[in-house]
Protein backbone atom coordinates (compact mmCIF):
# COMPACT_ATOMS: atom_id res chain seq x y z
CA UNK A 1 37.30 -31.44 4.35
CA UNK A 2 36.83 -28.10 5.79
CA UNK A 3 33.27 -26.37 6.12
CA UNK A 4 34.13 -24.00 3.48
CA UNK A 5 35.10 -26.73 0.88
CA UNK A 6 34.59 -26.01 -2.82
CA UNK A 7 32.20 -28.69 -2.53
CA UNK A 8 30.94 -28.72 0.81
CA UNK A 9 28.09 -31.71 -0.17
CA UNK A 10 30.40 -34.21 -0.37
CA UNK A 11 31.50 -33.92 2.89
CA UNK A 12 31.18 -37.10 4.73
CA UNK A 13 31.97 -36.20 8.64
CA UNK A 14 28.97 -35.09 10.07
CA UNK A 15 28.16 -34.45 13.99
CA UNK A 16 24.53 -35.77 13.94
CA UNK A 17 25.48 -37.78 17.52
CA UNK A 18 27.43 -35.12 18.91
CA UNK A 19 25.11 -31.51 18.08
CA UNK A 20 22.35 -33.20 16.45
CA UNK A 21 22.59 -30.78 13.30
CA UNK A 22 23.64 -32.97 10.47
CA UNK A 23 22.51 -30.56 7.70
CA UNK A 24 24.61 -28.00 8.63
CA UNK A 25 27.95 -30.16 8.14
CA UNK A 26 27.12 -31.26 4.59
CA UNK A 27 26.39 -27.92 2.74
CA UNK A 28 25.97 -24.48 3.81
CA UNK A 29 23.28 -22.09 2.73
CA UNK A 30 23.98 -20.02 -0.44
CA UNK A 31 24.61 -16.11 0.13
CA UNK A 32 21.85 -14.74 -2.61
CA UNK A 33 19.24 -13.75 -0.12
CA UNK A 34 21.75 -11.29 1.96
CA UNK A 35 22.98 -10.45 -1.81
CA UNK A 36 19.33 -10.15 -2.66
CA UNK A 37 18.83 -7.56 -0.15
CA UNK A 38 21.93 -5.51 -0.27
CA UNK A 39 20.93 -5.37 -4.24
CA UNK A 40 17.75 -4.32 -3.73
CA UNK A 41 18.94 -0.80 -2.25
CA UNK A 42 20.21 -0.12 -5.89
CA UNK A 43 17.24 -2.00 -7.59
CA UNK A 44 14.84 0.27 -5.76
CA UNK A 45 16.91 3.62 -7.15
CA UNK A 46 17.44 2.45 -10.18
CA UNK A 47 13.34 1.97 -10.52
CA UNK A 48 13.19 5.94 -9.12
CA UNK A 49 15.36 6.83 -11.37
CA UNK A 50 13.76 4.90 -14.76
CA UNK A 51 10.54 7.00 -14.11
CA UNK A 52 12.32 10.32 -13.04
CA UNK A 53 13.95 10.08 -16.98
CA UNK A 54 10.91 8.78 -18.50
CA UNK A 55 11.93 5.41 -19.64
CA UNK A 56 9.21 4.01 -19.52
CA UNK A 57 6.74 6.32 -21.04
CA UNK A 58 9.21 6.88 -23.89
CA UNK A 59 9.99 3.11 -24.47
CA UNK A 60 6.06 2.63 -24.93
CA UNK A 61 5.81 5.30 -27.43
CA UNK A 62 8.55 4.24 -29.40
CA UNK A 63 7.26 0.82 -29.37
CA UNK A 64 10.61 -0.86 -30.37
CA UNK A 65 14.12 0.86 -29.68
CA UNK A 66 17.85 0.85 -29.26
CA UNK A 67 19.53 2.25 -26.69
CA UNK A 68 20.80 5.07 -28.92
CA UNK A 69 17.49 5.75 -30.01
CA UNK A 70 15.99 6.15 -26.62
CA UNK A 71 18.93 8.23 -25.21
CA UNK A 72 18.27 10.76 -27.99
CA UNK A 73 14.92 11.07 -27.13
CA UNK A 74 15.84 11.58 -23.48
CA UNK A 75 19.14 13.62 -23.84
CA UNK A 76 21.15 11.27 -21.74
CA UNK A 77 24.54 9.47 -21.88
CA UNK A 78 23.48 6.28 -23.91
CA UNK A 79 26.84 3.99 -22.40
CA UNK A 80 24.68 5.09 -18.68
CA UNK A 81 21.47 4.66 -20.13
CA UNK A 82 22.36 1.17 -21.49
CA UNK A 83 23.23 -0.21 -17.87
CA UNK A 84 19.94 1.19 -16.99
CA UNK A 85 17.72 -0.52 -19.52
CA UNK A 86 19.61 -4.13 -18.97
CA UNK A 87 18.91 -4.10 -15.18
CA UNK A 88 15.17 -3.08 -16.36
CA UNK A 89 15.23 -5.97 -18.37
CA UNK A 90 16.58 -8.65 -15.57
CA UNK A 91 13.52 -6.92 -13.28
CA UNK A 92 11.17 -8.17 -16.20
CA UNK A 93 10.48 -4.46 -16.86
CA UNK A 94 11.35 -3.97 -20.40
CA UNK A 95 12.28 -7.12 -23.13
CA UNK A 96 14.86 -7.16 -24.44
CA UNK A 97 15.67 -8.69 -28.16
CA UNK A 98 18.84 -8.29 -29.70
CA UNK A 99 19.43 -4.33 -29.68
CA UNK A 100 15.98 -3.60 -29.57
CA UNK A 101 14.09 -2.83 -25.72
CA UNK A 102 9.97 -2.86 -25.89
CA UNK A 103 8.19 -2.89 -22.58
CA UNK A 104 6.70 -5.18 -20.42
CA UNK A 105 3.66 -5.79 -20.52
CA UNK A 106 3.88 -5.45 -15.91
CA UNK A 107 5.99 -1.98 -16.72
CA UNK A 108 3.35 -0.84 -19.27
CA UNK A 109 0.32 -1.64 -16.64
CA UNK A 110 1.95 -0.62 -13.39
CA UNK A 111 5.40 2.05 -14.22
CA UNK A 112 4.04 3.99 -17.21
CA UNK A 113 2.26 7.37 -16.09
CA UNK A 114 -1.30 6.21 -18.50
CA UNK A 115 -0.98 2.84 -17.37
CA UNK A 116 -4.72 1.21 -16.38
CA UNK A 117 -3.39 0.50 -12.77
CA UNK A 118 -0.20 3.60 -12.47
CA UNK A 119 2.01 3.24 -9.47
CA UNK A 120 4.62 5.59 -11.70
CA UNK A 121 4.02 8.31 -9.05
CA UNK A 122 3.94 5.91 -6.09
CA UNK A 123 7.19 4.71 -5.93
CA UNK A 124 8.87 8.04 -4.53
CA UNK A 125 6.65 7.84 -1.76
CA UNK A 126 5.74 4.90 -0.85
CA UNK A 127 8.59 3.85 1.66
CA UNK A 128 8.40 7.09 3.41
CA UNK A 129 10.97 9.56 3.85
CA UNK A 130 13.93 8.19 2.79
CA UNK A 131 16.22 9.39 5.62
CA UNK A 132 14.33 7.78 8.19
CA UNK A 133 15.48 4.25 6.80
CA UNK A 134 19.07 5.28 6.99
CA UNK A 135 18.56 5.92 10.73
CA UNK A 136 16.09 2.56 11.46
CA UNK A 137 19.03 1.81 13.84
CA UNK A 138 18.82 5.02 15.67
CA UNK A 139 14.60 4.28 15.79
CA UNK A 140 14.79 0.57 17.10
CA UNK A 141 17.29 1.85 19.77
CA UNK A 142 15.77 4.95 21.18
CA UNK A 143 11.70 3.89 20.33
CA UNK A 144 11.91 7.67 18.50
CA UNK A 145 11.28 8.41 14.37
CA UNK A 146 13.89 10.83 13.12
CA UNK A 147 11.22 12.48 11.01
CA UNK A 148 8.00 11.37 11.59
CA UNK A 149 5.38 12.02 9.08
CA UNK A 150 3.12 13.42 11.61
CA UNK A 151 5.00 16.10 11.74
CA UNK A 152 4.28 17.65 8.38
CA UNK A 153 1.39 15.28 7.40
CA UNK A 154 -0.21 17.28 4.64
CA UNK A 155 3.20 17.39 2.93
CA UNK A 156 3.36 13.60 3.01
CA UNK A 157 -0.01 12.37 2.13
CA UNK A 158 -0.60 14.51 -0.75
CA UNK A 159 1.62 12.85 -3.03
CA UNK A 160 0.11 9.60 -1.23
CA UNK A 161 -3.19 10.28 -1.56
CA UNK A 162 -2.75 11.09 -5.42
CA UNK A 163 -0.18 7.96 -6.15
CA UNK A 164 -2.90 5.69 -4.82
CA UNK A 165 -6.30 6.97 -5.95
CA UNK A 166 -6.41 4.71 -9.15
CA UNK A 167 -5.46 1.22 -7.02
CA UNK A 168 -7.97 2.24 -4.05
CA UNK A 169 -10.86 3.16 -6.21
CA UNK A 170 -10.51 -0.07 -8.34
CA UNK A 171 -10.39 -2.14 -4.74
CA UNK A 172 -13.60 0.11 -3.61
CA UNK A 173 -15.30 -0.12 -6.91
CA UNK A 174 -15.26 -4.32 -6.60
CA UNK A 175 -15.80 -4.82 -3.48
CA UNK A 176 -19.11 -2.66 -3.93
CA UNK A 177 -19.99 -4.82 -6.92
CA UNK A 178 -19.21 -7.93 -4.68
CA UNK A 179 -21.29 -6.24 -1.69
CA UNK A 180 -24.73 -5.03 -3.83
CA UNK A 181 -24.02 -1.68 -3.65
CA UNK A 182 -25.89 -0.90 -6.48
CA UNK A 183 -29.13 -2.56 -4.90
CA UNK A 184 -29.00 -0.51 -1.90
CA UNK A 185 -30.11 3.50 -2.05
CA UNK A 186 -29.83 6.28 -0.17
CA UNK A 187 -26.79 5.22 1.66
CA UNK A 188 -25.36 7.78 3.70
CA UNK A 189 -21.53 7.20 4.07
CA UNK A 190 -18.64 8.27 5.96
CA UNK A 191 -15.34 8.09 4.87
CA UNK A 192 -12.65 8.99 7.27
CA UNK A 193 -9.11 9.95 6.73
CA UNK A 194 -10.55 9.81 2.70
CA UNK A 195 -7.63 11.16 1.11
CA UNK A 196 -9.05 11.77 -2.64
CA UNK A 197 -11.94 9.67 -1.46
CA UNK A 198 -11.49 6.56 -3.76
CA UNK A 199 -13.67 4.58 -1.41
CA UNK A 200 -16.79 7.29 -1.03
CA UNK A 201 -16.66 7.80 -4.78
CA UNK A 202 -17.16 4.24 -5.36
CA UNK A 203 -20.32 3.71 -2.81
CA UNK A 204 -21.89 7.27 -4.82
CA UNK A 205 -20.95 5.81 -8.30
CA UNK A 206 -23.03 2.67 -7.67
CA UNK A 207 -25.49 3.46 -5.12
CA UNK A 208 -28.33 5.88 -6.47
CA UNK A 209 -29.21 8.43 -4.17
CA UNK A 210 -26.30 7.93 -1.84
CA UNK A 211 -24.54 10.72 0.13
CA UNK A 212 -21.18 11.07 1.73
CA UNK A 213 -19.21 12.83 4.56
CA UNK A 214 -15.50 12.64 3.41
CA UNK A 215 -13.09 13.65 5.58
CA UNK A 216 -9.40 14.69 5.82
CA UNK A 217 -6.67 17.48 6.61
CA UNK A 218 -7.67 20.41 4.75
CA UNK A 219 -4.81 20.75 2.18
CA UNK A 220 -5.07 16.83 1.39
CA UNK A 221 -9.18 17.41 0.99
CA UNK A 222 -8.60 19.88 -1.84
CA UNK A 223 -7.68 16.68 -4.41
CA UNK A 224 -10.67 15.15 -3.10
CA UNK A 225 -12.63 18.26 -4.09
CA UNK A 226 -11.23 18.34 -7.14
CA UNK A 227 -11.53 14.58 -7.93
CA UNK A 228 -15.02 14.63 -6.86
CA UNK A 229 -16.35 17.54 -9.03
CA UNK A 230 -14.02 15.94 -11.86
CA UNK A 231 -17.07 13.04 -11.61
CA UNK A 232 -19.98 15.11 -11.30
CA UNK A 233 -20.69 14.22 -7.85
CA UNK A 234 -20.37 17.35 -5.79
CA UNK A 235 -23.67 17.78 -4.65
CA UNK A 236 -23.66 14.65 -2.74
CA UNK A 237 -20.62 14.80 -0.52
CA UNK A 238 -20.17 17.00 2.38
CA UNK A 239 -16.49 17.77 2.99
CA UNK A 240 -15.59 17.97 6.82
CA UNK A 241 -11.76 19.09 7.35
CA UNK A 242 -10.27 18.05 10.84
CA UNK A 243 -8.32 15.44 12.40
CA UNK A 244 -10.50 12.05 12.30
CA UNK A 245 -9.96 11.63 16.55
CA UNK A 246 -11.15 15.13 16.84
CA UNK A 247 -13.63 16.21 14.32
CA UNK A 248 -17.96 16.10 15.83
CA UNK A 249 -19.54 13.11 14.05
CA UNK A 250 -23.23 12.30 14.30
CA UNK A 251 -24.04 9.27 16.31
CA UNK A 252 -26.37 6.69 15.05
CA UNK A 253 -26.02 8.62 11.45
CA UNK A 254 -24.46 6.21 9.16
CA UNK A 255 -25.28 3.03 7.10
CA UNK A 256 -21.37 2.58 6.29
CA UNK A 257 -18.18 3.79 7.59
CA UNK A 258 -15.03 3.39 5.70
CA UNK A 259 -11.51 3.71 7.78
CA UNK A 260 -9.47 3.42 4.54
CA UNK A 261 -5.77 2.42 5.11
CA UNK A 262 -6.02 4.70 7.83
CA UNK A 263 -5.25 2.32 11.23
CA UNK A 264 -1.79 0.91 10.15
CA UNK A 265 -0.59 4.13 11.32
CA UNK A 266 -2.71 5.10 14.69
CA UNK A 267 -1.23 2.34 17.23
CA UNK A 268 -3.32 -0.20 18.99
CA UNK A 269 -5.24 2.49 20.64
CA UNK A 270 -5.28 4.56 18.54
CA UNK A 271 -6.92 2.22 15.90
CA UNK A 272 -9.03 0.99 18.19
CA UNK A 273 -10.72 4.53 19.30
CA UNK A 274 -11.56 4.59 14.83
CA UNK A 275 -13.33 1.74 15.70
CA UNK A 276 -15.27 2.75 17.75
CA UNK A 277 -16.09 6.18 16.61
CA UNK A 278 -17.06 3.90 13.31
CA UNK A 279 -19.47 2.08 15.45
CA UNK A 280 -21.08 5.17 17.27
CA UNK A 281 -21.68 6.70 14.00
CA UNK A 282 -23.50 3.74 12.12
CA UNK A 283 -26.61 3.04 12.01
CA UNK A 284 -27.68 -0.08 13.88
CA UNK A 285 -27.48 -2.84 11.18
CA UNK A 286 -24.76 -0.32 9.21
CA UNK A 287 -21.57 -1.60 8.29
CA UNK A 288 -17.81 -0.99 9.07
CA UNK A 289 -15.25 -1.12 6.08
CA UNK A 290 -11.72 -1.61 7.52
CA UNK A 291 -9.22 -1.76 4.43
CA UNK A 292 -5.45 -2.19 5.07
CA UNK A 293 -2.39 -4.81 4.19
CA UNK A 294 -2.62 -7.21 6.82
CA UNK A 295 -0.17 -9.81 7.83
CA UNK A 296 -0.80 -13.06 9.12
CA UNK A 297 -1.11 -13.69 13.14
CA UNK A 298 2.06 -15.28 13.62
CA UNK A 299 4.01 -12.21 11.19
CA UNK A 300 5.96 -14.37 9.10
CA UNK A 301 3.66 -15.99 6.28
CA UNK A 302 2.14 -12.80 4.38
CA UNK A 303 5.97 -10.59 3.72
CA UNK A 304 4.20 -7.87 2.46
CA UNK A 305 2.14 -7.63 5.38
CA UNK A 306 4.91 -7.46 7.53
CA UNK A 307 6.95 -5.31 5.23
CA UNK A 308 4.51 -2.58 5.15
CA UNK A 309 4.35 -3.27 8.95
CA UNK A 310 7.99 -1.99 8.99
CA UNK A 311 7.76 0.75 7.20
CA UNK A 312 5.37 2.33 9.34
CA UNK A 313 7.37 1.14 12.25
CA UNK A 314 10.24 3.39 10.15
CA UNK A 315 8.04 6.42 9.65
CA UNK A 316 5.51 6.80 12.29
CA UNK A 317 5.12 7.43 15.96
CA UNK A 318 2.73 4.36 16.51
CA UNK A 319 2.44 2.80 13.17
CA UNK A 320 3.47 -0.71 12.66
CA UNK A 321 1.75 -4.41 11.87
CA UNK A 322 -1.60 -5.28 11.76
CA UNK A 323 -2.59 -8.56 12.32
CA UNK A 324 -6.13 -10.45 11.42
CA UNK A 325 -6.45 -11.62 15.05
CA UNK A 326 -5.71 -8.14 16.05
CA UNK A 327 -7.60 -6.36 13.71
CA UNK A 328 -10.60 -8.88 14.41
CA UNK A 329 -10.01 -8.47 18.15
CA UNK A 330 -10.53 -4.70 17.37
CA UNK A 331 -13.93 -5.14 16.15
CA UNK A 332 -15.37 -7.98 18.04
CA UNK A 333 -14.84 -6.01 21.23
CA UNK A 334 -16.59 -2.94 19.85
CA UNK A 335 -19.64 -5.56 18.96
CA UNK A 336 -19.19 -5.74 15.37
CA UNK A 337 -20.88 -9.06 14.17
CA UNK A 338 -20.63 -11.17 10.77
CA UNK A 339 -16.96 -10.33 10.20
CA UNK A 340 -15.67 -11.38 6.18
CA UNK A 341 -12.30 -10.89 5.08
CA UNK A 342 -12.22 -9.83 1.63
CA UNK A 343 -9.62 -9.55 -1.37
CA UNK A 344 -11.46 -7.12 -3.66
CA UNK A 345 -8.00 -6.93 -6.00
CA UNK A 346 -4.67 -8.38 -5.54
CA UNK A 347 -2.95 -7.41 -2.31
CA UNK A 348 -5.94 -5.07 -1.24
CA UNK A 349 -7.89 -6.69 1.84
CA UNK A 350 -11.18 -5.39 3.44
CA UNK A 351 -13.14 -6.38 6.49
CA UNK A 352 -16.51 -5.92 6.44
CA UNK A 353 -18.64 -5.85 9.66
CA UNK A 354 -22.05 -5.68 10.38
CA UNK A 355 -23.45 -3.35 13.79
CA UNK A 356 -26.32 -5.52 14.86
CA UNK A 357 -29.55 -4.31 13.86
CA UNK A 358 -30.39 -4.36 18.01
CA UNK A 359 -27.58 -2.55 19.31
C-alpha cells in the first residue's frame, strides 16, 4: 500500500526499526492547517469589505433581514452580497436561520461601529501597511522593511490610536480598580507615547487631584487634546509633543510612568532606554506601567504575542516580539522590584513594577 493511499491509516508496513518514525508510516498529516493560512488572506479582506460596506451596522439596525433587503439598503449586488454574508456566517459574525441573517454577539460587540468594544476602525490599520506583507520575503533577505511606519509615523499612528482607544481605556480602567488608584490622591503621571491618552485619562478619572504630562507626536497629540477636553480634564493635563526618546523629562518627579504599547516597536536597545527614562522620571516609591502584547519565553505557546512580534518585524525598523523574560529583564536590570504581570482584560497584559523607596 502506498504512502498516499486513500486509507493510509490501514497501512500495515512500518519502519520503526529502521527509521524510528512509525507515525509517518500510518497516516500523513492533514492539509487543513495549510488551507487555513491560504484562506486566511481571503477571510481578512472579506472582513475589511464587510466593514467598508456597512454590513454589520445595517444588519444590526434591520434586526433580521434577507440578503435582498440588505442589498437594497446597501445598494449593492445581491448575489455578490450573499457570498459575503455566507462567509461571515462561517466566521461566526452573522447568524443565519433559513433566509434570514442577524448579527452575532461577537460582531455586535466588536465589529459594529457603536459596539461596546468596537474594533471596526482597527481592522484596516492593525496589520500595518499592507504592501509590507507582500514584500516580507525581501525584508527577511535584506533586513530592511520596504515601507517602515517610522517614515511617516503620524499618518500611521493617528488612525491606530483612534481605533484602540476604547480597548486600552477599558484595560487601564480595570487595572486602576485593581490597583486602588481611587484611594491614591494627587498622583503625578507621565504617559509616554500616549496616543489618545487612555491610560492617563483612566488615572485622572479615578484619582482625585491627580495631574498628567501626556506625550506623543504633534499630530497624534491633537487627538488626545480632543478626547481629554471632551472628558473635562484639560485643566489637569500638560501636553508635551515630541519624540519620547528626546523630550525633556523632569527627574524624580512622577508617581506613575506609563509605557502603553510602545516598547514592541523599539527593539531591545530602544525599549531599555525607555524603561531607564521611566526610572529616572519616577520618584522613589513610584511605579512603572508597561503594557504590551507579550510572548512566552519559548515563543511558541502564545500565538497572539508571537504574531504581534512578526507584525512589528514586518513594519518597523527595530520592532519585534517581546517575551516575558526579556521585559522582566529590562525592569530588573534597571532596578525595579516587585514585578507583577496583570491581565486587566483578555489579551491585555501589563507589567507593574516599583522603584524602591530608598533608591
